[in-house]
PDB file of N, CA and C in Angstrom:
ATOM      1  N   MET A   1     123.425 107.433 104.352  1.00  0.00           N
ATOM      2  CA  MET A   1     122.358 108.044 103.567  1.00  0.00           C
ATOM      3  C   MET A   1     122.059 107.492 102.145  1.00  0.00           C
ATOM      4  N   SER A   2     120.976 107.451 102.127  1.00  0.00           N
ATOM      5  CA  SER A   2     120.223 106.583 101.340  1.00  0.00           C
ATOM      6  C   SER A   2     120.058 106.880 100.173  1.00  0.00           C
ATOM      7  N   ASN A   3     120.248 105.937  99.338  1.00  0.00           N
ATOM      8  CA  ASN A   3     119.848 105.855  97.965  1.00  0.00           C
ATOM      9  C   ASN A   3     117.826 106.512  97.334  1.00  0.00           C
ATOM     10  N   LEU A   4     117.845 105.848  98.072  1.00  0.00           N
ATOM     11  CA  LEU A   4     116.646 104.655  98.218  1.00  0.00           C
ATOM     12  C   LEU A   4     115.648 106.158  98.305  1.00  0.00           C
ATOM     13  N   ILE A   5     114.948 106.870  97.476  1.00  0.00           N
ATOM     14  CA  ILE A   5     113.882 108.677  97.154  1.00  0.00           C
ATOM     15  C   ILE A   5     112.486 107.699  97.504  1.00  0.00           C
ATOM     16  N   SER A   6     111.902 108.471  98.438  1.00  0.00           N
ATOM     17  CA  SER A   6     109.921 109.127  98.608  1.00  0.00           C
ATOM     18  C   SER A   6     110.082 109.703  97.094  1.00  0.00           C
ATOM     19  N   THR A   7     108.751 108.786  96.609  1.00  0.00           N
ATOM     20  CA  THR A   7     108.038 109.840  95.986  1.00  0.00           C
ATOM     21  C   THR A   7     107.080 109.945  95.898  1.00  0.00           C
ATOM     22  N   THR A   8     105.597 110.075  95.263  1.00  0.00           N
ATOM     23  CA  THR A   8     104.306 110.291  95.009  1.00  0.00           C
ATOM     24  C   THR A   8     104.198 110.019  94.007  1.00  0.00           C
ATOM     25  N   ASP A   9     102.664 109.945  93.785  1.00  0.00           N
ATOM     26  CA  ASP A   9     101.919 110.323  92.101  1.00  0.00           C
ATOM     27  C   ASP A   9     102.315 111.637  91.623  1.00  0.00           C
ATOM     28  N   SER A  10     101.802 112.679  91.768  1.00  0.00           N
ATOM     29  CA  SER A  10     102.592 114.562  91.323  1.00  0.00           C
ATOM     30  C   SER A  10     104.054 113.690  91.235  1.00  0.00           C
ATOM     31  N   GLN A  11     105.148 113.177  92.219  1.00  0.00           N
ATOM     32  CA  GLN A  11     106.347 113.126  91.581  1.00  0.00           C
ATOM     33  C   GLN A  11     107.137 112.405  90.156  1.00  0.00           C
ATOM     34  N   ILE A  12     106.238 110.686  90.693  1.00  0.00           N
ATOM     35  CA  ILE A  12     106.779 109.710  89.856  1.00  0.00           C
ATOM     36  C   ILE A  12     106.998 109.738  88.246  1.00  0.00           C
ATOM     37  N   THR A  13     106.171 110.562  88.001  1.00  0.00           N
ATOM     38  CA  THR A  13     106.659 110.539  86.432  1.00  0.00           C
ATOM     39  C   THR A  13     107.417 111.552  86.359  1.00  0.00           C
ATOM     40  N   GLU A  14     107.637 112.844  86.426  1.00  0.00           N
ATOM     41  CA  GLU A  14     109.130 113.235  86.260  1.00  0.00           C
ATOM     42  C   GLU A  14     110.000 112.458  87.072  1.00  0.00           C
ATOM     43  N   GLU A  15     110.145 111.273  87.529  1.00  0.00           N
ATOM     44  CA  GLU A  15     111.512 111.266  88.604  1.00  0.00           C
ATOM     45  C   GLU A  15     111.749 110.051  87.416  1.00  0.00           C
ATOM     46  N   ILE A  16     110.958 109.639  87.281  1.00  0.00           N
ATOM     47  CA  ILE A  16     111.606 108.432  85.875  1.00  0.00           C
ATOM     48  C   ILE A  16     111.728 109.012  84.869  1.00  0.00           C
ATOM     49  N   ALA A  17     111.091 110.159  84.720  1.00  0.00           N
ATOM     50  CA  ALA A  17     111.596 110.181  83.343  1.00  0.00           C
ATOM     51  C   ALA A  17     113.057 111.302  83.805  1.00  0.00           C
ATOM     52  N   GLN A  18     113.299 111.719  84.583  1.00  0.00           N
ATOM     53  CA  GLN A  18     115.109 112.172  83.624  1.00  0.00           C
ATOM     54  C   GLN A  18     115.800 111.290  85.060  1.00  0.00           C
ATOM     55  N   ALA A  19     115.231 110.116  84.941  1.00  0.00           N
ATOM     56  CA  ALA A  19     116.841 110.009  85.911  1.00  0.00           C
ATOM     57  C   ALA A  19     117.895 108.994  84.896  1.00  0.00           C
ATOM     58  N   GLY A  20     117.312 109.082  84.123  1.00  0.00           N
ATOM     59  CA  GLY A  20     118.108 108.957  82.921  1.00  0.00           C
ATOM     60  C   GLY A  20     119.064 107.001  82.948  1.00  0.00           C
ATOM     61  N   GLN A  21     118.579 106.445  83.423  1.00  0.00           N
ATOM     62  CA  GLN A  21     119.224 105.202  83.980  1.00  0.00           C
ATOM     63  C   GLN A  21     117.414 104.387  84.578  1.00  0.00           C
ATOM     64  N   PRO A  22     117.882 103.250  84.156  1.00  0.00           N
ATOM     65  CA  PRO A  22     116.592 101.694  84.712  1.00  0.00           C
ATOM     66  C   PRO A  22     116.241 102.434  85.855  1.00  0.00           C
ATOM     67  N   VAL A  23     114.972 101.966  86.706  1.00  0.00           N
ATOM     68  CA  VAL A  23     114.579 102.843  88.071  1.00  0.00           C
ATOM     69  C   VAL A  23     113.331 101.245  88.674  1.00  0.00           C
ATOM     70  N   LEU A  24     113.672 101.174  89.479  1.00  0.00           N
ATOM     71  CA  LEU A  24     113.449  99.783  90.870  1.00  0.00           C
ATOM     72  C   LEU A  24     111.963 101.225  91.218  1.00  0.00           C
ATOM     73  N   LEU A  25     110.628 101.059  91.504  1.00  0.00           N
ATOM     74  CA  LEU A  25     109.893 101.006  92.239  1.00  0.00           C
ATOM     75  C   LEU A  25     109.774 100.117  93.065  1.00  0.00           C
ATOM     76  N   TYR A  26     109.041 100.622  94.350  1.00  0.00           N
ATOM     77  CA  TYR A  26     109.138 100.244  95.587  1.00  0.00           C
ATOM     78  C   TYR A  26     108.128 100.449  96.248  1.00  0.00           C
ATOM     79  N   PHE A  27     106.758  99.474  95.847  1.00  0.00           N
ATOM     80  CA  PHE A  27     105.637 100.411  96.952  1.00  0.00           C
ATOM     81  C   PHE A  27     105.486  99.245  98.106  1.00  0.00           C
ATOM     82  N   TRP A  28     104.800  99.952  99.036  1.00  0.00           N
ATOM     83  CA  TRP A  28     104.800  99.011 100.196  1.00  0.00           C
ATOM     84  C   TRP A  28     104.058 100.002 101.887  1.00  0.00           C
ATOM     85  N   ALA A  29     103.292  99.713 102.300  1.00  0.00           N
ATOM     86  CA  ALA A  29     102.672  99.930 103.395  1.00  0.00           C
ATOM     87  C   ALA A  29     102.994 100.085 104.507  1.00  0.00           C
ATOM     88  N   ASP A  30     102.215 101.059 105.388  1.00  0.00           N
ATOM     89  CA  ASP A  30     102.759 101.027 106.805  1.00  0.00           C
ATOM     90  C   ASP A  30     102.444  99.448 107.576  1.00  0.00           C
ATOM     91  N   TRP A  31     101.320  99.281 107.185  1.00  0.00           N
ATOM     92  CA  TRP A  31     100.704  97.601 108.079  1.00  0.00           C
ATOM     93  C   TRP A  31     101.368  97.006 107.746  1.00  0.00           C
ATOM     94  N   CYS A  32     102.416  96.626 106.424  1.00  0.00           N
ATOM     95  CA  CYS A  32     102.227  94.924 106.069  1.00  0.00           C
ATOM     96  C   CYS A  32     103.698  94.456 105.997  1.00  0.00           C
ATOM     97  N   GLY A  33     103.195  93.584 106.858  1.00  0.00           N
ATOM     98  CA  GLY A  33     104.141  92.733 107.805  1.00  0.00           C
ATOM     99  C   GLY A  33     105.610  92.451 106.927  1.00  0.00           C
ATOM    100  N   PRO A  34     104.967  92.156 105.639  1.00  0.00           N
ATOM    101  CA  PRO A  34     106.157  91.199 104.891  1.00  0.00           C
ATOM    102  C   PRO A  34     106.982  92.334 104.495  1.00  0.00           C
ATOM    103  N   CYS A  35     106.308  93.701 103.786  1.00  0.00           N
ATOM    104  CA  CYS A  35     107.238  94.853 103.323  1.00  0.00           C
ATOM    105  C   CYS A  35     109.034  95.064 104.787  1.00  0.00           C
ATOM    106  N   ARG A  36     107.744  95.046 105.983  1.00  0.00           N
ATOM    107  CA  ARG A  36     108.996  95.269 107.253  1.00  0.00           C
ATOM    108  C   ARG A  36     110.580  94.105 106.662  1.00  0.00           C
ATOM    109  N   LEU A  37     109.825  93.017 106.202  1.00  0.00           N
ATOM    110  CA  LEU A  37     111.389  91.972 105.053  1.00  0.00           C
ATOM    111  C   LEU A  37     111.585  92.571 104.566  1.00  0.00           C
ATOM    112  N   VAL A  38     110.585  93.206 103.361  1.00  0.00           N
ATOM    113  CA  VAL A  38     111.775  93.565 102.254  1.00  0.00           C
ATOM    114  C   VAL A  38     112.314  94.511 102.074  1.00  0.00           C
ATOM    115  N   SER A  39     112.371  95.846 102.864  1.00  0.00           N
ATOM    116  CA  SER A  39     112.957  96.762 103.211  1.00  0.00           C
ATOM    117  C   SER A  39     114.153  97.007 102.992  1.00  0.00           C
ATOM    118  N   PRO A  40     114.483  96.919 103.758  1.00  0.00           N
ATOM    119  CA  PRO A  40     116.048  96.342 104.266  1.00  0.00           C
ATOM    120  C   PRO A  40     116.833  95.950 102.821  1.00  0.00           C
ATOM    121  N   SER A  41     116.083  94.701 102.100  1.00  0.00           N
ATOM    122  CA  SER A  41     116.600  93.992 101.145  1.00  0.00           C
ATOM    123  C   SER A  41     116.873  95.723  99.736  1.00  0.00           C
ATOM    124  N   VAL A  42     115.878  96.005 100.220  1.00  0.00           N
ATOM    125  CA  VAL A  42     115.410  97.069  98.547  1.00  0.00           C
ATOM    126  C   VAL A  42     116.069  98.481  99.250  1.00  0.00           C
ATOM    127  N   GLU A  43     116.443  98.753 100.316  1.00  0.00           N
ATOM    128  CA  GLU A  43     117.069  99.861 100.625  1.00  0.00           C
ATOM    129  C   GLU A  43     118.556  99.604 100.713  1.00  0.00           C
ATOM    130  N   ALA A  44     119.012  98.417  99.898  1.00  0.00           N
ATOM    131  CA  ALA A  44     121.013  97.613 100.311  1.00  0.00           C
ATOM    132  C   ALA A  44     120.527  98.111  98.598  1.00  0.00           C
ATOM    133  N   ILE A  45     119.695  97.260  97.970  1.00  0.00           N
ATOM    134  CA  ILE A  45     120.168  97.825  96.572  1.00  0.00           C
ATOM    135  C   ILE A  45     120.352  99.099  95.996  1.00  0.00           C
ATOM    136  N   ALA A  46     119.499  99.791  97.076  1.00  0.00           N
ATOM    137  CA  ALA A  46     119.244 101.260  96.613  1.00  0.00           C
ATOM    138  C   ALA A  46     120.818 102.026  95.905  1.00  0.00           C
ATOM    139  N   ASN A  47     121.233 100.999  97.547  1.00  0.00           N
ATOM    140  CA  ASN A  47     123.029 101.648  97.750  1.00  0.00           C
ATOM    141  C   ASN A  47     123.630 101.121  96.588  1.00  0.00           C
ATOM    142  N   GLU A  48     123.854  99.595  96.598  1.00  0.00           N
ATOM    143  CA  GLU A  48     124.801  99.117  96.012  1.00  0.00           C
ATOM    144  C   GLU A  48     124.362  99.405  94.503  1.00  0.00           C
ATOM    145  N   TYR A  49     123.311  99.713  94.538  1.00  0.00           N
ATOM    146  CA  TYR A  49     123.079  99.544  92.410  1.00  0.00           C
ATOM    147  C   TYR A  49     123.024 101.080  92.259  1.00  0.00           C
ATOM    148  N   SER A  50     123.532 102.342  92.871  1.00  0.00           N
ATOM    149  CA  SER A  50     122.946 103.885  92.724  1.00  0.00           C
ATOM    150  C   SER A  50     123.789 104.552  91.654  1.00  0.00           C
ATOM    151  N   ASP A  51     125.191 103.496  90.848  1.00  0.00           N
ATOM    152  CA  ASP A  51     125.125 103.668  89.516  1.00  0.00           C
ATOM    153  C   ASP A  51     124.931 103.453  89.152  1.00  0.00           C
ATOM    154  N   GLN A  52     124.048 102.565  88.734  1.00  0.00           N
ATOM    155  CA  GLN A  52     123.058 101.664  87.528  1.00  0.00           C
ATOM    156  C   GLN A  52     121.697 101.987  87.503  1.00  0.00           C
ATOM    157  N   LEU A  53     121.124 102.313  89.100  1.00  0.00           N
ATOM    158  CA  LEU A  53     119.254 101.798  88.649  1.00  0.00           C
ATOM    159  C   LEU A  53     119.213 103.089  89.999  1.00  0.00           C
ATOM    160  N   LYS A  54     118.151 103.965  89.748  1.00  0.00           N
ATOM    161  CA  LYS A  54     117.628 104.856  90.674  1.00  0.00           C
ATOM    162  C   LYS A  54     116.479 103.751  91.786  1.00  0.00           C
ATOM    163  N   VAL A  55     116.313 103.561  92.731  1.00  0.00           N
ATOM    164  CA  VAL A  55     115.230 103.482  93.290  1.00  0.00           C
ATOM    165  C   VAL A  55     113.899 104.396  94.191  1.00  0.00           C
ATOM    166  N   LEU A  56     112.609 103.981  93.995  1.00  0.00           N
ATOM    167  CA  LEU A  56     111.471 104.905  94.224  1.00  0.00           C
ATOM    168  C   LEU A  56     111.119 104.245  95.278  1.00  0.00           C
ATOM    169  N   LYS A  57     110.275 105.063  96.336  1.00  0.00           N
ATOM    170  CA  LYS A  57     109.645 104.181  97.206  1.00  0.00           C
ATOM    171  C   LYS A  57     108.471 104.986  97.097  1.00  0.00           C
ATOM    172  N   LEU A  58     107.103 104.601  97.204  1.00  0.00           N
ATOM    173  CA  LEU A  58     105.686 104.384  96.976  1.00  0.00           C
ATOM    174  C   LEU A  58     105.959 104.077  97.589  1.00  0.00           C
ATOM    175  N   GLU A  59     104.690 104.814  99.189  1.00  0.00           N
ATOM    176  CA  GLU A  59     103.682 103.711  99.879  1.00  0.00           C
ATOM    177  C   GLU A  59     102.051 103.694  99.233  1.00  0.00           C
ATOM    178  N   VAL A  60     101.476 102.587  98.763  1.00  0.00           N
ATOM    179  CA  VAL A  60     100.458 102.447  98.707  1.00  0.00           C
ATOM    180  C   VAL A  60      99.437 103.392  99.084  1.00  0.00           C
ATOM    181  N   ASP A  61      98.249 103.696 100.035  1.00  0.00           N
ATOM    182  CA  ASP A  61      97.511 104.167 100.652  1.00  0.00           C
ATOM    183  C   ASP A  61      97.680 105.872 100.311  1.00  0.00           C
ATOM    184  N   PRO A  62      98.442 106.529 100.292  1.00  0.00           N
ATOM    185  CA  PRO A  62      98.309 107.775  99.640  1.00  0.00           C
ATOM    186  C   PRO A  62      98.966 108.343  97.943  1.00  0.00           C
ATOM    187  N   ASN A  63      99.004 107.708  97.335  1.00  0.00           N
ATOM    188  CA  ASN A  63      99.571 107.083  96.266  1.00  0.00           C
ATOM    189  C   ASN A  63      98.544 106.192  94.872  1.00  0.00           C
ATOM    190  N   PRO A  64      97.856 106.484  94.768  1.00  0.00           N
ATOM    191  CA  PRO A  64      96.692 105.463  94.526  1.00  0.00           C
ATOM    192  C   PRO A  64      96.483 105.241  93.417  1.00  0.00           C
ATOM    193  N   GLU A  65      97.377 107.077  92.293  1.00  0.00           N
ATOM    194  CA  GLU A  65      97.304 106.867  90.799  1.00  0.00           C
ATOM    195  C   GLU A  65      98.508 105.506  90.390  1.00  0.00           C
ATOM    196  N   ALA A  66      99.679 106.086  91.565  1.00  0.00           N
ATOM    197  CA  ALA A  66     100.734 105.235  90.472  1.00  0.00           C
ATOM    198  C   ALA A  66     100.706 104.081  90.484  1.00  0.00           C
ATOM    199  N   VAL A  67      99.569 103.092  92.203  1.00  0.00           N
ATOM    200  CA  VAL A  67      99.402 101.649  92.664  1.00  0.00           C
ATOM    201  C   VAL A  67      98.475 101.232  91.158  1.00  0.00           C
ATOM    202  N   LYS A  68      97.254 102.239  90.504  1.00  0.00           N
ATOM    203  CA  LYS A  68      96.972 102.043  89.426  1.00  0.00           C
ATOM    204  C   LYS A  68      97.629 102.126  87.799  1.00  0.00           C
ATOM    205  N   THR A  69      98.557 102.399  87.795  1.00  0.00           N
ATOM    206  CA  THR A  69      99.285 102.896  86.296  1.00  0.00           C
ATOM    207  C   THR A  69      99.729 101.343  86.617  1.00  0.00           C
ATOM    208  N   TYR A  70     100.972 101.040  87.916  1.00  0.00           N
ATOM    209  CA  TYR A  70     101.750 100.080  87.576  1.00  0.00           C
ATOM    210  C   TYR A  70     101.047  98.804  87.693  1.00  0.00           C
ATOM    211  N   GLN A  71      99.839  98.508  87.847  1.00  0.00           N
ATOM    212  CA  GLN A  71      98.760  97.535  88.264  1.00  0.00           C
ATOM    213  C   GLN A  71      98.916  96.458  89.284  1.00  0.00           C
ATOM    214  N   VAL A  72      99.168  97.481  90.792  1.00  0.00           N
ATOM    215  CA  VAL A  72     100.002  96.853  91.908  1.00  0.00           C
ATOM    216  C   VAL A  72      98.776  95.766  92.756  1.00  0.00           C
ATOM    217  N   GLU A  73      98.709  94.987  91.958  1.00  0.00           N
ATOM    218  CA  GLU A  73      97.522  94.384  93.292  1.00  0.00           C
ATOM    219  C   GLU A  73      97.725  93.706  95.100  1.00  0.00           C
ATOM    220  N   GLY A  74      99.157  93.429  95.515  1.00  0.00           N
ATOM    221  CA  GLY A  74      99.553  93.448  96.945  1.00  0.00           C
ATOM    222  C   GLY A  74     101.119  94.120  96.823  1.00  0.00           C
ATOM    223  N   VAL A  75     101.260  94.115  98.123  1.00  0.00           N
ATOM    224  CA  VAL A  75     102.646  94.685  99.002  1.00  0.00           C
ATOM    225  C   VAL A  75     102.794  93.616  99.532  1.00  0.00           C
ATOM    226  N   PRO A  76     104.534  93.949  99.235  1.00  0.00           N
ATOM    227  CA  PRO A  76     105.689  94.836  99.113  1.00  0.00           C
ATOM    228  C   PRO A  76     105.072  93.888  97.441  1.00  0.00           C
ATOM    229  N   ALA A  77     105.321  95.618  96.102  1.00  0.00           N
ATOM    230  CA  ALA A  77     105.542  95.086  94.757  1.00  0.00           C
ATOM    231  C   ALA A  77     106.877  96.112  94.338  1.00  0.00           C
ATOM    232  N   LEU A  78     107.653  95.503  93.482  1.00  0.00           N
ATOM    233  CA  LEU A  78     108.772  95.996  92.685  1.00  0.00           C
ATOM    234  C   LEU A  78     108.219  95.830  91.704  1.00  0.00           C
ATOM    235  N   ARG A  79     108.601  96.761  91.032  1.00  0.00           N
ATOM    236  CA  ARG A  79     108.542  96.921  89.522  1.00  0.00           C
ATOM    237  C   ARG A  79     109.744  97.854  88.845  1.00  0.00           C
ATOM    238  N   LEU A  80     110.518  97.270  87.561  1.00  0.00           N
ATOM    239  CA  LEU A  80     111.737  97.321  87.062  1.00  0.00           C
ATOM    240  C   LEU A  80     111.638  98.369  85.730  1.00  0.00           C
ATOM    241  N   ILE A  81     111.620  99.475  85.525  1.00  0.00           N
ATOM    242  CA  ILE A  81     111.272 100.068  84.676  1.00  0.00           C
ATOM    243  C   ILE A  81     112.695 100.924  83.776  1.00  0.00           C
ATOM    244  N   GLN A  82     112.539 100.596  81.902  1.00  0.00           N
ATOM    245  CA  GLN A  82     113.364 100.628  81.905  1.00  0.00           C
ATOM    246  C   GLN A  82     112.854 101.464  80.230  1.00  0.00           C
ATOM    247  N   ASN A  83     113.995 102.174  79.429  1.00  0.00           N
ATOM    248  CA  ASN A  83     112.667 103.124  78.860  1.00  0.00           C
ATOM    249  C   ASN A  83     111.471 102.950  78.668  1.00  0.00           C
ATOM    250  N   GLY A  84     110.662 103.505  80.105  1.00  0.00           N
ATOM    251  CA  GLY A  84     109.616 103.300  80.240  1.00  0.00           C
ATOM    252  C   GLY A  84     108.437 102.087  79.976  1.00  0.00           C
ATOM    253  N   ASP A  85     108.740 101.412  80.161  1.00  0.00           N
ATOM    254  CA  ASP A  85     108.014 100.397  80.234  1.00  0.00           C
ATOM    255  C   ASP A  85     108.775  99.148  81.676  1.00  0.00           C
ATOM    256  N   ILE A  86     107.626  98.246  81.924  1.00  0.00           N
ATOM    257  CA  ILE A  86     108.035  97.180  82.763  1.00  0.00           C
ATOM    258  C   ILE A  86     108.647  96.528  82.098  1.00  0.00           C
ATOM    259  N   GLN A  87     109.972  96.583  82.572  1.00  0.00           N
ATOM    260  CA  GLN A  87     110.821  95.006  82.706  1.00  0.00           C
ATOM    261  C   GLN A  87     110.563  93.686  83.758  1.00  0.00           C
ATOM    262  N   TRP A  88     110.743  94.138  84.079  1.00  0.00           N
ATOM    263  CA  TRP A  88     110.441  92.661  85.689  1.00  0.00           C
ATOM    264  C   TRP A  88     109.095  92.935  86.336  1.00  0.00           C
ATOM    265  N   SER A  89     108.425  92.641  87.044  1.00  0.00           N
ATOM    266  CA  SER A  89     107.314  93.089  88.128  1.00  0.00           C
ATOM    267  C   SER A  89     107.244  91.258  88.996  1.00  0.00           C
ATOM    268  N   HIS A  90     107.465  91.868  90.412  1.00  0.00           N
ATOM    269  CA  HIS A  90     107.378  90.730  91.627  1.00  0.00           C
ATOM    270  C   HIS A  90     106.475  91.404  92.770  1.00  0.00           C
ATOM    271  N   GLU A  91     105.367  90.992  93.135  1.00  0.00           N
ATOM    272  CA  GLU A  91     104.583  91.143  93.944  1.00  0.00           C
ATOM    273  C   GLU A  91     105.041  90.361  94.871  1.00  0.00           C
ATOM    274  N   GLY A  92     105.017  90.159  96.790  1.00  0.00           N
ATOM    275  CA  GLY A  92     105.123  89.887  97.725  1.00  0.00           C
ATOM    276  C   GLY A  92     106.718  89.223  98.115  1.00  0.00           C
ATOM    277  N   ALA A  93     106.831  88.831  99.068  1.00  0.00           N
ATOM    278  CA  ALA A  93     108.233  89.120 100.299  1.00  0.00           C
ATOM    279  C   ALA A  93     109.214  88.618  99.157  1.00  0.00           C
ATOM    280  N   ILE A  94     110.310  88.975  99.248  1.00  0.00           N
ATOM    281  CA  ILE A  94     112.054  88.377  98.716  1.00  0.00           C
ATOM    282  C   ILE A  94     112.495  88.731  98.944  1.00  0.00           C
ATOM    283  N   THR A  95     113.909  86.854  98.329  1.00  0.00           N
ATOM    284  CA  THR A  95     115.437  87.793  99.291  1.00  0.00           C
ATOM    285  C   THR A  95     116.059  88.597  98.599  1.00  0.00           C
ATOM    286  N   LYS A  96     116.851  89.422  98.682  1.00  0.00           N
ATOM    287  CA  LYS A  96     117.820  90.011  99.114  1.00  0.00           C
ATOM    288  C   LYS A  96     118.480  89.813  97.521  1.00  0.00           C
ATOM    289  N   ASP A  97     119.124  88.173  97.554  1.00  0.00           N
ATOM    290  CA  ASP A  97     119.791  87.370  96.760  1.00  0.00           C
ATOM    291  C   ASP A  97     118.189  87.106  95.270  1.00  0.00           C
ATOM    292  N   LYS A  98     117.897  87.016  95.065  1.00  0.00           N
ATOM    293  CA  LYS A  98     116.793  86.780  94.643  1.00  0.00           C
ATOM    294  C   LYS A  98     116.208  88.296  93.501  1.00  0.00           C
ATOM    295  N   LEU A  99     115.994  89.596  94.395  1.00  0.00           N
ATOM    296  CA  LEU A  99     116.310  90.379  93.875  1.00  0.00           C
ATOM    297  C   LEU A  99     117.437  91.052  93.435  1.00  0.00           C
ATOM    298  N   LYS A 100     118.303  90.697  93.714  1.00  0.00           N
ATOM    299  CA  LYS A 100     120.195  91.255  92.905  1.00  0.00           C
ATOM    300  C   LYS A 100     120.004  90.080  91.395  1.00  0.00           C
ATOM    301  N   GLY A 101     119.080  88.713  91.584  1.00  0.00           N
ATOM    302  CA  GLY A 101     119.030  88.160  90.262  1.00  0.00           C
ATOM    303  C   GLY A 101     118.342  88.735  89.147  1.00  0.00           C
ATOM    304  N   ASN A 102     117.571  88.925  89.736  1.00  0.00           N
ATOM    305  CA  ASN A 102     116.232  89.873  88.859  1.00  0.00           C
ATOM    306  C   ASN A 102     116.850  91.201  88.022  1.00  0.00           C
ATOM    307  N   ILE A 103     117.215  91.530  89.325  1.00  0.00           N
ATOM    308  CA  ILE A 103     117.913  93.078  88.544  1.00  0.00           C
ATOM    309  C   ILE A 103     118.576  92.723  87.481  1.00  0.00           C
ATOM    310  N   ASP A 104     120.298  92.255  88.189  1.00  0.00           N
ATOM    311  CA  ASP A 104     121.007  91.983  86.909  1.00  0.00           C
ATOM    312  C   ASP A 104     120.491  90.900  85.953  1.00  0.00           C
ATOM    313  N   GLN A 105     119.600  90.777  85.510  1.00  0.00           N
ATOM    314  CA  GLN A 105     119.003  90.009  84.177  1.00  0.00           C
ATOM    315  C   GLN A 105     118.700  91.786  83.427  1.00  0.00           C
ATOM    316  N   HIS A 106     118.302  92.189  83.707  1.00  0.00           N
ATOM    317  CA  HIS A 106     118.128  93.987  83.126  1.00  0.00           C
ATOM    318  C   HIS A 106     118.947  94.821  82.848  1.00  0.00           C
ATOM    319  N   LEU A 107     119.901  94.213  83.614  1.00  0.00           N
ATOM    320  CA  LEU A 107     121.194  95.448  83.616  1.00  0.00           C
ATOM    321  C   LEU A 107     122.087  95.356  82.905  1.00  0.00           C
TER     322      LEU A 107
END
């Protein structure tokens, strides 16, 4: 079972508010080649860090409000939210090791 949670514009605020821990937002698109490369790493992070981190997945096309709120300009995009603030932001492909390194700096 995956700890990666799909969410939408209408659910994201509540998902973050109820998390009680840092939240990693993963913005992706069906048509995005680099997203297919990054998705397995994000899913692995969701499972490995499940006791320290909530990981939410948002498809960009049907969720324009979240895209606007988190200033997503390209996909894949990652935002690490802690106490309501963006602690780390990344756009484009990223290796699992680099992703873990950035998350570890903020946990």
